[in-house]
PDB file of N, CA and C in Angstrom:
ATOM      1  N   MET A   1      84.031 127.055  67.380  1.00  0.00           N
ATOM      2  CA  MET A   1      83.804 128.439  67.436  1.00  0.00           C
ATOM      3  C   MET A   1      83.435 128.775  68.848  1.00  0.00           C
ATOM      4  N   ILE A   2      82.982 127.914  69.655  1.00  0.00           N
ATOM      5  CA  ILE A   2      82.608 128.276  70.992  1.00  0.00           C
ATOM      6  C   ILE A   2      83.712 128.049  71.914  1.00  0.00           C
ATOM      7  N   PRO A   3      83.898 128.762  73.072  1.00  0.00           N
ATOM      8  CA  PRO A   3      85.136 128.798  73.855  1.00  0.00           C
ATOM      9  C   PRO A   3      84.978 127.719  75.025  1.00  0.00           C
ATOM     10  N   GLU A   4      83.856 127.056  75.176  1.00  0.00           N
ATOM     11  CA  GLU A   4      83.768 126.176  76.289  1.00  0.00           C
ATOM     12  C   GLU A   4      83.844 124.658  75.816  1.00  0.00           C
ATOM     13  N   ARG A   5      84.027 123.788  76.798  1.00  0.00           N
ATOM     14  CA  ARG A   5      84.008 122.381  76.585  1.00  0.00           C
ATOM     15  C   ARG A   5      82.510 121.902  76.236  1.00  0.00           C
ATOM     16  N   VAL A   6      82.474 120.945  75.328  1.00  0.00           N
ATOM     17  CA  VAL A   6      81.219 120.386  74.871  1.00  0.00           C
ATOM     18  C   VAL A   6      80.894 119.118  75.631  1.00  0.00           C
ATOM     19  N   PHE A   7      79.665 119.210  76.260  1.00  0.00           N
ATOM     20  CA  PHE A   7      79.257 118.043  76.994  1.00  0.00           C
ATOM     21  C   PHE A   7      78.157 117.188  76.271  1.00  0.00           C
ATOM     22  N   SER A   8      77.722 117.753  75.247  1.00  0.00           N
ATOM     23  CA  SER A   8      76.676 116.998  74.439  1.00  0.00           C
ATOM     24  C   SER A   8      77.050 117.018  72.921  1.00  0.00           C
ATOM     25  N   THR A   9      76.876 115.990  72.193  1.00  0.00           N
ATOM     26  CA  THR A   9      77.239 116.015  70.795  1.00  0.00           C
ATOM     27  C   THR A   9      75.974 115.739  70.120  1.00  0.00           C
ATOM     28  N   ILE A  10      75.539 116.702  69.127  1.00  0.00           N
ATOM     29  CA  ILE A  10      74.277 116.678  68.477  1.00  0.00           C
ATOM     30  C   ILE A  10      74.660 116.340  66.969  1.00  0.00           C
ATOM     31  N   SER A  11      73.965 115.493  66.402  1.00  0.00           N
ATOM     32  CA  SER A  11      74.250 115.149  65.105  1.00  0.00           C
ATOM     33  C   SER A  11      72.809 115.043  64.302  1.00  0.00           C
ATOM     34  N   LEU A  12      72.936 115.386  63.004  1.00  0.00           N
ATOM     35  CA  LEU A  12      71.717 115.121  62.162  1.00  0.00           C
ATOM     36  C   LEU A  12      71.706 113.889  61.572  1.00  0.00           C
ATOM     37  N   THR A  13      70.405 113.416  61.303  1.00  0.00           N
ATOM     38  CA  THR A  13      70.203 112.150  60.629  1.00  0.00           C
ATOM     39  C   THR A  13      69.029 112.239  59.781  1.00  0.00           C
ATOM     40  N   THR A  14      69.064 111.399  58.791  1.00  0.00           N
ATOM     41  CA  THR A  14      67.709 111.368  57.922  1.00  0.00           C
ATOM     42  C   THR A  14      66.812 110.174  58.507  1.00  0.00           C
ATOM     43  N   LYS A  15      67.449 109.462  59.409  1.00  0.00           N
ATOM     44  CA  LYS A  15      66.667 108.416  60.100  1.00  0.00           C
ATOM     45  C   LYS A  15      65.996 108.890  61.328  1.00  0.00           C
ATOM     46  N   ARG A  16      65.538 107.896  62.279  1.00  0.00           N
ATOM     47  CA  ARG A  16      64.837 108.218  63.431  1.00  0.00           C
ATOM     48  C   ARG A  16      65.740 108.893  64.468  1.00  0.00           C
ATOM     49  N   ALA A  17      65.206 109.949  65.092  1.00  0.00           N
ATOM     50  CA  ALA A  17      65.876 110.612  66.226  1.00  0.00           C
ATOM     51  C   ALA A  17      66.112 109.658  67.307  1.00  0.00           C
ATOM     52  N   LYS A  18      67.291 109.763  67.980  1.00  0.00           N
ATOM     53  CA  LYS A  18      67.682 108.990  69.117  1.00  0.00           C
ATOM     54  C   LYS A  18      68.627 109.738  70.077  1.00  0.00           C
ATOM     55  N   GLN A  19      68.613 109.252  71.297  1.00  0.00           N
ATOM     56  CA  GLN A  19      69.618 109.782  72.344  1.00  0.00           C
ATOM     57  C   GLN A  19      70.326 108.796  72.991  1.00  0.00           C
ATOM     58  N   PHE A  20      71.602 108.952  73.356  1.00  0.00           N
ATOM     59  CA  PHE A  20      72.466 107.896  74.089  1.00  0.00           C
ATOM     60  C   PHE A  20      73.187 108.728  75.154  1.00  0.00           C
ATOM     61  N   ASP A  21      73.116 108.332  76.286  1.00  0.00           N
ATOM     62  CA  ASP A  21      73.906 108.798  77.436  1.00  0.00           C
ATOM     63  C   ASP A  21      75.099 107.771  77.864  1.00  0.00           C
ATOM     64  N   THR A  22      76.171 108.176  77.544  1.00  0.00           N
ATOM     65  CA  THR A  22      77.369 107.233  77.897  1.00  0.00           C
ATOM     66  C   THR A  22      78.341 107.925  78.750  1.00  0.00           C
ATOM     67  N   PRO A  23      79.356 107.131  79.281  1.00  0.00           N
ATOM     68  CA  PRO A  23      80.424 107.879  80.120  1.00  0.00           C
ATOM     69  C   PRO A  23      81.261 108.850  79.339  1.00  0.00           C
ATOM     70  N   LEU A  24      81.320 108.775  78.045  1.00  0.00           N
ATOM     71  CA  LEU A  24      82.044 109.776  77.269  1.00  0.00           C
ATOM     72  C   LEU A  24      81.182 111.062  77.068  1.00  0.00           C
ATOM     73  N   GLY A  25      79.913 110.942  77.171  1.00  0.00           N
ATOM     74  CA  GLY A  25      79.071 112.217  77.128  1.00  0.00           C
ATOM     75  C   GLY A  25      77.703 111.899  76.480  1.00  0.00           C
ATOM     76  N   ASN A  26      76.873 112.881  76.244  1.00  0.00           N
ATOM     77  CA  ASN A  26      75.598 112.761  75.618  1.00  0.00           C
ATOM     78  C   ASN A  26      75.613 112.734  74.120  1.00  0.00           C
ATOM     79  N   PHE A  27      74.962 111.882  73.463  1.00  0.00           N
ATOM     80  CA  PHE A  27      74.846 111.873  71.997  1.00  0.00           C
ATOM     81  C   PHE A  27      73.432 111.959  71.614  1.00  0.00           C
ATOM     82  N   SER A  28      73.083 112.947  70.818  1.00  0.00           N
ATOM     83  CA  SER A  28      71.734 113.113  70.353  1.00  0.00           C
ATOM     84  C   SER A  28      71.756 113.132  68.806  1.00  0.00           C
ATOM     85  N   TYR A  29      70.684 112.555  68.175  1.00  0.00           N
ATOM     86  CA  TYR A  29      70.542 112.469  66.811  1.00  0.00           C
ATOM     87  C   TYR A  29      69.204 113.055  66.489  1.00  0.00           C
ATOM     88  N   ILE A  30      69.235 114.213  65.777  1.00  0.00           N
ATOM     89  CA  ILE A  30      68.035 114.933  65.400  1.00  0.00           C
ATOM     90  C   ILE A  30      67.586 114.562  63.886  1.00  0.00           C
ATOM     91  N   GLN A  31      66.431 114.280  63.682  1.00  0.00           N
ATOM     92  CA  GLN A  31      65.856 113.941  62.314  1.00  0.00           C
ATOM     93  C   GLN A  31      65.776 115.205  61.493  1.00  0.00           C
ATOM     94  N   THR A  32      66.224 115.166  60.259  1.00  0.00           N
ATOM     95  CA  THR A  32      65.947 116.255  59.358  1.00  0.00           C
ATOM     96  C   THR A  32      65.719 115.738  57.908  1.00  0.00           C
ATOM     97  N   ILE A  33      65.312 116.597  57.038  1.00  0.00           N
ATOM     98  CA  ILE A  33      64.992 116.035  55.612  1.00  0.00           C
ATOM     99  C   ILE A  33      66.338 115.994  54.986  1.00  0.00           C
ATOM    100  N   ALA A  34      66.443 115.038  53.976  1.00  0.00           N
ATOM    101  CA  ALA A  34      67.606 114.785  53.153  1.00  0.00           C
ATOM    102  C   ALA A  34      68.203 116.005  52.451  1.00  0.00           C
ATOM    103  N   PRO A  35      67.444 116.835  51.882  1.00  0.00           N
ATOM    104  CA  PRO A  35      68.081 118.031  51.172  1.00  0.00           C
ATOM    105  C   PRO A  35      68.764 118.877  52.119  1.00  0.00           C
ATOM    106  N   TYR A  36      68.254 119.081  53.284  1.00  0.00           N
ATOM    107  CA  TYR A  36      68.938 120.000  54.301  1.00  0.00           C
ATOM    108  C   TYR A  36      70.170 119.274  54.831  1.00  0.00           C
ATOM    109  N   PHE A  37      69.982 117.901  55.068  1.00  0.00           N
ATOM    110  CA  PHE A  37      71.058 117.205  55.702  1.00  0.00           C
ATOM    111  C   PHE A  37      72.320 117.262  54.931  1.00  0.00           C
ATOM    112  N   ALA A  38      72.316 117.165  53.503  1.00  0.00           N
ATOM    113  CA  ALA A  38      73.316 117.152  52.672  1.00  0.00           C
ATOM    114  C   ALA A  38      74.131 118.428  52.617  1.00  0.00           C
ATOM    115  N   ILE A  39      73.622 119.510  52.850  1.00  0.00           N
ATOM    116  CA  ILE A  39      74.225 120.890  52.686  1.00  0.00           C
ATOM    117  C   ILE A  39      75.401 121.003  53.679  1.00  0.00           C
ATOM    118  N   GLY A  40      76.543 121.368  53.194  1.00  0.00           N
ATOM    119  CA  GLY A  40      77.646 121.730  54.051  1.00  0.00           C
ATOM    120  C   GLY A  40      78.300 120.484  54.797  1.00  0.00           C
ATOM    121  N   ALA A  41      77.967 119.249  54.373  1.00  0.00           N
ATOM    122  CA  ALA A  41      78.648 118.056  54.949  1.00  0.00           C
ATOM    123  C   ALA A  41      79.928 117.854  54.185  1.00  0.00           C
ATOM    124  N   VAL A  42      81.022 117.586  55.044  1.00  0.00           N
ATOM    125  CA  VAL A  42      82.318 117.434  54.621  1.00  0.00           C
ATOM    126  C   VAL A  42      82.940 116.107  55.163  1.00  0.00           C
ATOM    127  N   GLN A  43      83.500 115.257  54.221  1.00  0.00           N
ATOM    128  CA  GLN A  43      83.872 114.015  54.557  1.00  0.00           C
ATOM    129  C   GLN A  43      85.339 114.162  55.129  1.00  0.00           C
ATOM    130  N   GLU A  44      85.631 113.609  56.380  1.00  0.00           N
ATOM    131  CA  GLU A  44      86.884 113.634  56.910  1.00  0.00           C
ATOM    132  C   GLU A  44      87.395 112.180  57.092  1.00  0.00           C
ATOM    133  N   LEU A  45      88.634 112.051  57.285  1.00  0.00           N
ATOM    134  CA  LEU A  45      89.288 110.752  57.416  1.00  0.00           C
ATOM    135  C   LEU A  45      90.115 110.569  58.767  1.00  0.00           C
ATOM    136  N   PHE A  46      89.816 109.661  59.601  1.00  0.00           N
ATOM    137  CA  PHE A  46      90.447 109.550  60.937  1.00  0.00           C
ATOM    138  C   PHE A  46      91.437 108.303  60.830  1.00  0.00           C
ATOM    139  N   ASN A  47      92.678 108.652  61.207  1.00  0.00           N
ATOM    140  CA  ASN A  47      93.690 107.584  61.246  1.00  0.00           C
ATOM    141  C   ASN A  47      93.953 106.899  59.963  1.00  0.00           C
ATOM    142  N   GLN A  48      93.759 107.608  58.848  1.00  0.00           N
ATOM    143  CA  GLN A  48      93.804 107.067  57.506  1.00  0.00           C
ATOM    144  C   GLN A  48      92.802 105.724  57.285  1.00  0.00           C
ATOM    145  N   LYS A  49      91.928 105.689  58.127  1.00  0.00           N
ATOM    146  CA  LYS A  49      91.083 104.404  58.091  1.00  0.00           C
ATOM    147  C   LYS A  49      89.594 104.582  58.061  1.00  0.00           C
ATOM    148  N   TYR A  50      89.187 105.518  58.925  1.00  0.00           N
ATOM    149  CA  TYR A  50      87.741 105.768  59.287  1.00  0.00           C
ATOM    150  C   TYR A  50      87.218 107.051  58.613  1.00  0.00           C
ATOM    151  N   ALA A  51      86.188 106.982  57.658  1.00  0.00           N
ATOM    152  CA  ALA A  51      85.735 108.100  57.094  1.00  0.00           C
ATOM    153  C   ALA A  51      84.394 108.451  57.816  1.00  0.00           C
ATOM    154  N   PHE A  52      84.154 109.700  57.929  1.00  0.00           N
ATOM    155  CA  PHE A  52      82.890 110.141  58.594  1.00  0.00           C
ATOM    156  C   PHE A  52      82.556 111.529  57.975  1.00  0.00           C
ATOM    157  N   LEU A  53      81.232 111.871  58.015  1.00  0.00           N
ATOM    158  CA  LEU A  53      80.807 113.204  57.672  1.00  0.00           C
ATOM    159  C   LEU A  53      80.661 114.155  58.735  1.00  0.00           C
ATOM    160  N   ILE A  54      81.129 115.324  58.624  1.00  0.00           N
ATOM    161  CA  ILE A  54      81.025 116.457  59.621  1.00  0.00           C
ATOM    162  C   ILE A  54      80.555 117.683  59.030  1.00  0.00           C
ATOM    163  N   ALA A  55      79.769 118.433  59.713  1.00  0.00           N
ATOM    164  CA  ALA A  55      79.242 119.693  59.180  1.00  0.00           C
ATOM    165  C   ALA A  55      80.332 120.761  59.218  1.00  0.00           C
ATOM    166  N   SER A  56      80.286 121.561  58.170  1.00  0.00           N
ATOM    167  CA  SER A  56      81.168 122.734  58.054  1.00  0.00           C
ATOM    168  C   SER A  56      80.783 123.639  59.171  1.00  0.00           C
ATOM    169  N   PRO A  57      81.634 124.630  59.465  1.00  0.00           N
ATOM    170  CA  PRO A  57      81.273 125.570  60.533  1.00  0.00           C
ATOM    171  C   PRO A  57      79.978 126.413  60.200  1.00  0.00           C
ATOM    172  N   GLU A  58      79.777 126.680  58.937  1.00  0.00           N
ATOM    173  CA  GLU A  58      78.656 127.448  58.525  1.00  0.00           C
ATOM    174  C   GLU A  58      77.358 126.613  58.689  1.00  0.00           C
ATOM    175  N   LYS A  59      77.384 125.308  58.250  1.00  0.00           N
ATOM    176  CA  LYS A  59      76.251 124.459  58.520  1.00  0.00           C
ATOM    177  C   LYS A  59      76.015 124.146  59.942  1.00  0.00           C
ATOM    178  N   ALA A  60      76.986 124.000  60.704  1.00  0.00           N
ATOM    179  CA  ALA A  60      76.859 123.812  62.161  1.00  0.00           C
ATOM    180  C   ALA A  60      76.068 125.060  62.809  1.00  0.00           C
ATOM    181  N   LEU A  61      76.518 126.151  62.390  1.00  0.00           N
ATOM    182  CA  LEU A  61      75.767 127.337  62.883  1.00  0.00           C
ATOM    183  C   LEU A  61      74.384 127.382  62.495  1.00  0.00           C
ATOM    184  N   CYS A  62      74.148 127.110  61.248  1.00  0.00           N
ATOM    185  CA  CYS A  62      72.795 126.930  60.788  1.00  0.00           C
ATOM    186  C   CYS A  62      71.985 125.961  61.535  1.00  0.00           C
ATOM    187  N   ASP A  63      72.585 124.822  61.697  1.00  0.00           N
ATOM    188  CA  ASP A  63      71.948 123.721  62.444  1.00  0.00           C
ATOM    189  C   ASP A  63      71.576 124.081  63.858  1.00  0.00           C
ATOM    190  N   LYS A  64      72.514 124.840  64.501  1.00  0.00           N
ATOM    191  CA  LYS A  64      72.211 125.254  65.908  1.00  0.00           C
ATOM    192  C   LYS A  64      71.058 126.261  65.945  1.00  0.00           C
ATOM    193  N   MET A  65      70.818 127.111  64.974  1.00  0.00           N
ATOM    194  CA  MET A  65      69.753 128.029  64.883  1.00  0.00           C
ATOM    195  C   MET A  65      68.517 127.318  64.574  1.00  0.00           C
ATOM    196  N   VAL A  66      68.520 126.438  63.579  1.00  0.00           N
ATOM    197  CA  VAL A  66      67.437 125.646  63.080  1.00  0.00           C
ATOM    198  C   VAL A  66      66.818 124.801  64.220  1.00  0.00           C
ATOM    199  N   PHE A  67      67.548 124.039  64.902  1.00  0.00           N
ATOM    200  CA  PHE A  67      67.158 123.025  65.709  1.00  0.00           C
ATOM    201  C   PHE A  67      67.103 123.458  67.276  1.00  0.00           C
ATOM    202  N   THR A  68      67.287 124.723  67.609  1.00  0.00           N
ATOM    203  CA  THR A  68      67.142 125.176  68.972  1.00  0.00           C
ATOM    204  C   THR A  68      65.750 125.550  69.016  1.00  0.00           C
ATOM    205  N   ARG A  69      65.074 124.865  69.953  1.00  0.00           N
ATOM    206  CA  ARG A  69      63.489 125.183  70.088  1.00  0.00           C
ATOM    207  C   ARG A  69      63.286 126.540  70.586  1.00  0.00           C
ATOM    208  N   GLN A  70      62.168 127.173  70.207  1.00  0.00           N
ATOM    209  CA  GLN A  70      61.722 128.497  70.739  1.00  0.00           C
ATOM    210  C   GLN A  70      62.732 129.539  70.377  1.00  0.00           C
ATOM    211  N   LEU A  71      63.715 129.407  69.478  1.00  0.00           N
ATOM    212  CA  LEU A  71      64.623 130.498  69.041  1.00  0.00           C
ATOM    213  C   LEU A  71      63.928 131.258  68.028  1.00  0.00           C
ATOM    214  N   ASN A  72      63.829 132.577  68.255  1.00  0.00           N
ATOM    215  CA  ASN A  72      63.072 133.333  67.356  1.00  0.00           C
ATOM    216  C   ASN A  72      63.936 134.693  67.189  1.00  0.00           C
ATOM    217  N   LEU A  73      64.735 134.688  66.074  1.00  0.00           N
ATOM    218  CA  LEU A  73      65.686 135.835  65.926  1.00  0.00           C
ATOM    219  C   LEU A  73      65.027 136.517  64.687  1.00  0.00           C
ATOM    220  N   ASN A  74      64.416 137.609  64.964  1.00  0.00           N
ATOM    221  CA  ASN A  74      63.738 138.443  63.920  1.00  0.00           C
ATOM    222  C   ASN A  74      64.443 139.768  63.451  1.00  0.00           C
ATOM    223  N   SER A  75      65.712 139.698  63.716  1.00  0.00           N
ATOM    224  CA  SER A  75      66.553 140.894  63.169  1.00  0.00           C
ATOM    225  C   SER A  75      67.952 140.567  63.222  1.00  0.00           C
ATOM    226  N   GLN A  76      68.801 141.289  62.449  1.00  0.00           N
ATOM    227  CA  GLN A  76      70.162 141.048  62.485  1.00  0.00           C
ATOM    228  C   GLN A  76      70.782 141.401  63.864  1.00  0.00           C
ATOM    229  N   LYS A  77      70.258 142.394  64.645  1.00  0.00           N
ATOM    230  CA  LYS A  77      70.610 142.743  65.899  1.00  0.00           C
ATOM    231  C   LYS A  77      70.391 141.565  66.783  1.00  0.00           C
ATOM    232  N   ALA A  78      69.230 140.907  66.664  1.00  0.00           N
ATOM    233  CA  ALA A  78      69.005 139.669  67.551  1.00  0.00           C
ATOM    234  C   ALA A  78      69.980 138.564  67.228  1.00  0.00           C
ATOM    235  N   VAL A  79      70.318 138.390  65.919  1.00  0.00           N
ATOM    236  CA  VAL A  79      71.292 137.348  65.589  1.00  0.00           C
ATOM    237  C   VAL A  79      72.657 137.703  66.244  1.00  0.00           C
ATOM    238  N   ALA A  80      73.028 139.010  66.120  1.00  0.00           N
ATOM    239  CA  ALA A  80      74.339 139.416  66.628  1.00  0.00           C
ATOM    240  C   ALA A  80      74.410 139.129  68.193  1.00  0.00           C
ATOM    241  N   SER A  81      73.259 139.404  68.888  1.00  0.00           N
ATOM    242  CA  SER A  81      73.148 139.263  70.297  1.00  0.00           C
ATOM    243  C   SER A  81      73.254 137.734  70.566  1.00  0.00           C
ATOM    244  N   TYR A  82      72.585 136.880  69.936  1.00  0.00           N
ATOM    245  CA  TYR A  82      72.508 135.457  70.098  1.00  0.00           C
ATOM    246  C   TYR A  82      73.891 134.810  69.836  1.00  0.00           C
ATOM    247  N   LEU A  83      74.490 135.258  68.812  1.00  0.00           N
ATOM    248  CA  LEU A  83      75.944 134.697  68.559  1.00  0.00           C
ATOM    249  C   LEU A  83      76.941 135.190  69.556  1.00  0.00           C
ATOM    250  N   GLY A  84      76.967 136.423  69.943  1.00  0.00           N
ATOM    251  CA  GLY A  84      77.970 137.017  70.851  1.00  0.00           C
ATOM    252  C   GLY A  84      77.664 136.710  72.276  1.00  0.00           C
ATOM    253  N   GLU A  85      76.421 136.920  72.713  1.00  0.00           N
ATOM    254  CA  GLU A  85      76.129 136.737  74.157  1.00  0.00           C
ATOM    255  C   GLU A  85      75.630 135.334  74.509  1.00  0.00           C
ATOM    256  N   ASP A  86      74.809 134.791  73.796  1.00  0.00           N
ATOM    257  CA  ASP A  86      74.297 133.467  74.142  1.00  0.00           C
ATOM    258  C   ASP A  86      75.194 132.403  73.835  1.00  0.00           C
ATOM    259  N   LEU A  87      75.752 132.361  72.614  1.00  0.00           N
ATOM    260  CA  LEU A  87      76.761 131.279  72.200  1.00  0.00           C
ATOM    261  C   LEU A  87      78.238 131.675  72.584  1.00  0.00           C
ATOM    262  N   ARG A  88      78.464 132.894  72.882  1.00  0.00           N
ATOM    263  CA  ARG A  88      79.730 133.441  73.187  1.00  0.00           C
ATOM    264  C   ARG A  88      80.842 133.274  72.011  1.00  0.00           C
ATOM    265  N   ILE A  89      80.447 133.315  70.851  1.00  0.00           N
ATOM    266  CA  ILE A  89      81.196 133.229  69.661  1.00  0.00           C
ATOM    267  C   ILE A  89      81.947 134.628  69.458  1.00  0.00           C
ATOM    268  N   ASP A  90      83.294 134.476  69.270  1.00  0.00           N
ATOM    269  CA  ASP A  90      84.008 135.732  68.853  1.00  0.00           C
ATOM    270  C   ASP A  90      83.547 136.066  67.457  1.00  0.00           C
ATOM    271  N   ILE A  91      82.870 137.166  67.349  1.00  0.00           N
ATOM    272  CA  ILE A  91      82.254 137.619  66.119  1.00  0.00           C
ATOM    273  C   ILE A  91      83.380 137.723  65.133  1.00  0.00           C
ATOM    274  N   GLU A  92      84.605 137.990  65.321  1.00  0.00           N
ATOM    275  CA  GLU A  92      85.719 138.045  64.308  1.00  0.00           C
ATOM    276  C   GLU A  92      85.887 136.723  63.578  1.00  0.00           C
ATOM    277  N   LEU A  93      85.672 135.599  64.270  1.00  0.00           N
ATOM    278  CA  LEU A  93      85.745 134.297  63.723  1.00  0.00           C
ATOM    279  C   LEU A  93      84.663 134.078  62.576  1.00  0.00           C
ATOM    280  N   LEU A  94      83.583 134.855  62.555  1.00  0.00           N
ATOM    281  CA  LEU A  94      82.596 134.693  61.612  1.00  0.00           C
ATOM    282  C   LEU A  94      82.858 135.328  60.288  1.00  0.00           C
ATOM    283  N   ARG A  95      83.929 136.176  60.122  1.00  0.00           N
ATOM    284  CA  ARG A  95      84.196 136.894  59.044  1.00  0.00           C
ATOM    285  C   ARG A  95      84.459 136.154  57.758  1.00  0.00           C
ATOM    286  N   GLY A  96      85.172 134.931  58.022  1.00  0.00           N
ATOM    287  CA  GLY A  96      85.541 134.045  56.889  1.00  0.00           C
ATOM    288  C   GLY A  96      84.616 133.082  56.469  1.00  0.00           C
ATOM    289  N   LEU A  97      83.416 133.002  57.129  1.00  0.00           N
ATOM    290  CA  LEU A  97      82.438 131.889  56.774  1.00  0.00           C
ATOM    291  C   LEU A  97      81.933 132.033  55.322  1.00  0.00           C
ATOM    292  N   ASN A  98      81.672 130.823  54.741  1.00  0.00           N
ATOM    293  CA  ASN A  98      81.084 130.812  53.435  1.00  0.00           C
ATOM    294  C   ASN A  98      79.674 130.916  53.476  1.00  0.00           C
ATOM    295  N   CYS A  99      79.243 132.160  53.003  1.00  0.00           N
ATOM    296  CA  CYS A  99      77.882 132.379  52.990  1.00  0.00           C
ATOM    297  C   CYS A  99      77.081 131.745  51.980  1.00  0.00           C
ATOM    298  N   ASN A 100      77.567 131.120  51.060  1.00  0.00           N
ATOM    299  CA  ASN A 100      76.882 130.301  50.097  1.00  0.00           C
ATOM    300  C   ASN A 100      76.184 129.062  50.752  1.00  0.00           C
ATOM    301  N   ILE A 101      76.816 128.545  51.751  1.00  0.00           N
ATOM    302  CA  ILE A 101      76.281 127.369  52.414  1.00  0.00           C
ATOM    303  C   ILE A 101      74.975 127.815  53.204  1.00  0.00           C
ATOM    304  N   ILE A 102      75.102 128.979  53.792  1.00  0.00           N
ATOM    305  CA  ILE A 102      73.965 129.572  54.482  1.00  0.00           C
ATOM    306  C   ILE A 102      72.827 129.790  53.495  1.00  0.00           C
ATOM    307  N   LEU A 103      73.129 130.321  52.298  1.00  0.00           N
ATOM    308  CA  LEU A 103      72.081 130.515  51.298  1.00  0.00           C
ATOM    309  C   LEU A 103      71.416 129.227  50.850  1.00  0.00           C
ATOM    310  N   GLN A 104      72.177 128.178  50.785  1.00  0.00           N
ATOM    311  CA  GLN A 104      71.625 126.816  50.536  1.00  0.00           C
ATOM    312  C   GLN A 104      70.630 126.340  51.528  1.00  0.00           C
ATOM    313  N   CYS A 105      71.010 126.588  52.885  1.00  0.00           N
ATOM    314  CA  CYS A 105      70.118 126.193  53.905  1.00  0.00           C
ATOM    315  C   CYS A 105      68.846 127.018  53.872  1.00  0.00           C
ATOM    316  N   ILE A 106      68.982 128.291  53.546  1.00  0.00           N
ATOM    317  CA  ILE A 106      67.711 129.145  53.492  1.00  0.00           C
ATOM    318  C   ILE A 106      66.745 128.595  52.340  1.00  0.00           C
ATOM    319  N   GLU A 107      67.387 128.083  51.252  1.00  0.00           N
ATOM    320  CA  GLU A 107      66.535 127.553  50.106  1.00  0.00           C
ATOM    321  C   GLU A 107      65.680 126.453  50.535  1.00  0.00           C
ATOM    322  N   THR A 108      66.026 125.700  51.497  1.00  0.00           N
ATOM    323  CA  THR A 108      65.339 124.573  51.967  1.00  0.00           C
ATOM    324  C   THR A 108      63.952 125.015  52.624  1.00  0.00           C
ATOM    325  N   GLY A 109      63.852 126.166  53.012  1.00  0.00           N
ATOM    326  CA  GLY A 109      62.744 126.803  53.594  1.00  0.00           C
ATOM    327  C   GLY A 109      62.533 126.548  55.138  1.00  0.00           C
ATOM    328  N   ILE A 110      63.546 125.828  55.787  1.00  0.00           N
ATOM    329  CA  ILE A 110      63.526 125.580  57.240  1.00  0.00           C
ATOM    330  C   ILE A 110      64.047 126.780  57.914  1.00  0.00           C
ATOM    331  N   LYS A 111      63.275 127.451  58.768  1.00  0.00           N
ATOM    332  CA  LYS A 111      63.553 128.571  59.390  1.00  0.00           C
ATOM    333  C   LYS A 111      64.231 129.633  58.559  1.00  0.00           C
ATOM    334  N   ALA A 112      63.670 129.880  57.364  1.00  0.00           N
ATOM    335  CA  ALA A 112      64.387 130.717  56.288  1.00  0.00           C
ATOM    336  C   ALA A 112      64.512 132.135  56.773  1.00  0.00           C
ATOM    337  N   VAL A 113      63.581 132.582  57.517  1.00  0.00           N
ATOM    338  CA  VAL A 113      63.591 134.144  57.887  1.00  0.00           C
ATOM    339  C   VAL A 113      64.780 134.343  58.884  1.00  0.00           C
ATOM    340  N   GLN A 114      64.983 133.485  59.868  1.00  0.00           N
ATOM    341  CA  GLN A 114      66.037 133.502  60.790  1.00  0.00           C
ATOM    342  C   GLN A 114      67.410 133.371  60.076  1.00  0.00           C
ATOM    343  N   LEU A 115      67.452 132.378  59.289  1.00  0.00           N
ATOM    344  CA  LEU A 115      68.664 132.209  58.513  1.00  0.00           C
ATOM    345  C   LEU A 115      68.969 133.373  57.505  1.00  0.00           C
ATOM    346  N   THR A 116      67.992 133.911  57.042  1.00  0.00           N
ATOM    347  CA  THR A 116      68.216 135.215  56.171  1.00  0.00           C
ATOM    348  C   THR A 116      68.797 136.380  56.964  1.00  0.00           C
ATOM    349  N   HIS A 117      68.394 136.517  58.204  1.00  0.00           N
ATOM    350  CA  HIS A 117      68.969 137.377  59.198  1.00  0.00           C
ATOM    351  C   HIS A 117      70.469 137.229  59.470  1.00  0.00           C
ATOM    352  N   LEU A 118      70.728 135.902  59.589  1.00  0.00           N
ATOM    353  CA  LEU A 118      72.095 135.407  59.831  1.00  0.00           C
ATOM    354  C   LEU A 118      72.886 135.740  58.586  1.00  0.00           C
ATOM    355  N   TYR A 119      72.419 135.419  57.415  1.00  0.00           N
ATOM    356  CA  TYR A 119      73.142 135.617  56.127  1.00  0.00           C
ATOM    357  C   TYR A 119      73.435 137.251  55.971  1.00  0.00           C
ATOM    358  N   LYS A 120      72.511 138.059  56.173  1.00  0.00           N
ATOM    359  CA  LYS A 120      72.705 139.412  56.069  1.00  0.00           C
ATOM    360  C   LYS A 120      73.658 140.021  57.203  1.00  0.00           C
ATOM    361  N   PHE A 121      73.628 139.500  58.333  1.00  0.00           N
ATOM    362  CA  PHE A 121      74.426 139.943  59.434  1.00  0.00           C
ATOM    363  C   PHE A 121      75.977 139.500  59.132  1.00  0.00           C
ATOM    364  N   LEU A 122      76.262 138.330  58.493  1.00  0.00           N
ATOM    365  CA  LEU A 122      77.494 137.861  58.139  1.00  0.00           C
ATOM    366  C   LEU A 122      78.031 138.677  56.896  1.00  0.00           C
ATOM    367  N   LYS A 123      77.128 139.087  55.944  1.00  0.00           N
ATOM    368  CA  LYS A 123      77.516 139.826  54.875  1.00  0.00           C
ATOM    369  C   LYS A 123      77.967 141.188  55.236  1.00  0.00           C
ATOM    370  N   LYS A 124      77.403 141.758  56.202  1.00  0.00           N
ATOM    371  CA  LYS A 124      77.674 142.996  56.791  1.00  0.00           C
ATOM    372  C   LYS A 124      79.222 143.051  57.476  1.00  0.00           C
ATOM    373  N   LEU A 125      79.531 141.828  58.020  1.00  0.00           N
ATOM    374  CA  LEU A 125      80.813 141.770  58.606  1.00  0.00           C
ATOM    375  C   LEU A 125      82.002 141.934  57.698  1.00  0.00           C
ATOM    376  N   ARG A 126      81.675 141.549  56.481  1.00  0.00           N
ATOM    377  CA  ARG A 126      82.852 141.475  55.518  1.00  0.00           C
ATOM    378  C   ARG A 126      83.109 142.913  55.028  1.00  0.00           C
TER     379      ARG A 126
END
């Protein structure tokens, strides 16, 4: 959803947080609780051989908001500004997101107020 190249890959884990710097890039693992981790995870297959979990676009957006330190979005207007100006996401791409995944993230209680503003903003886009 973002128009730039990614220099760092961030993943969630229910295990201990870690960080690896390699010639291919930076890889960070952020610890979270199991109920939040499982939401929006989709199993993909690579080369008909390797299975892995990846976050749906909705969950990735929630993860970005939840795990960005000192991010305080207290209104739908602040969410719109964050998405469009800070992350440079084309707002039109957000119209088709599954808001039920965002509701599930809200139900865990992690940054529920900010995710509720995201949910309401996305519902208005439709």
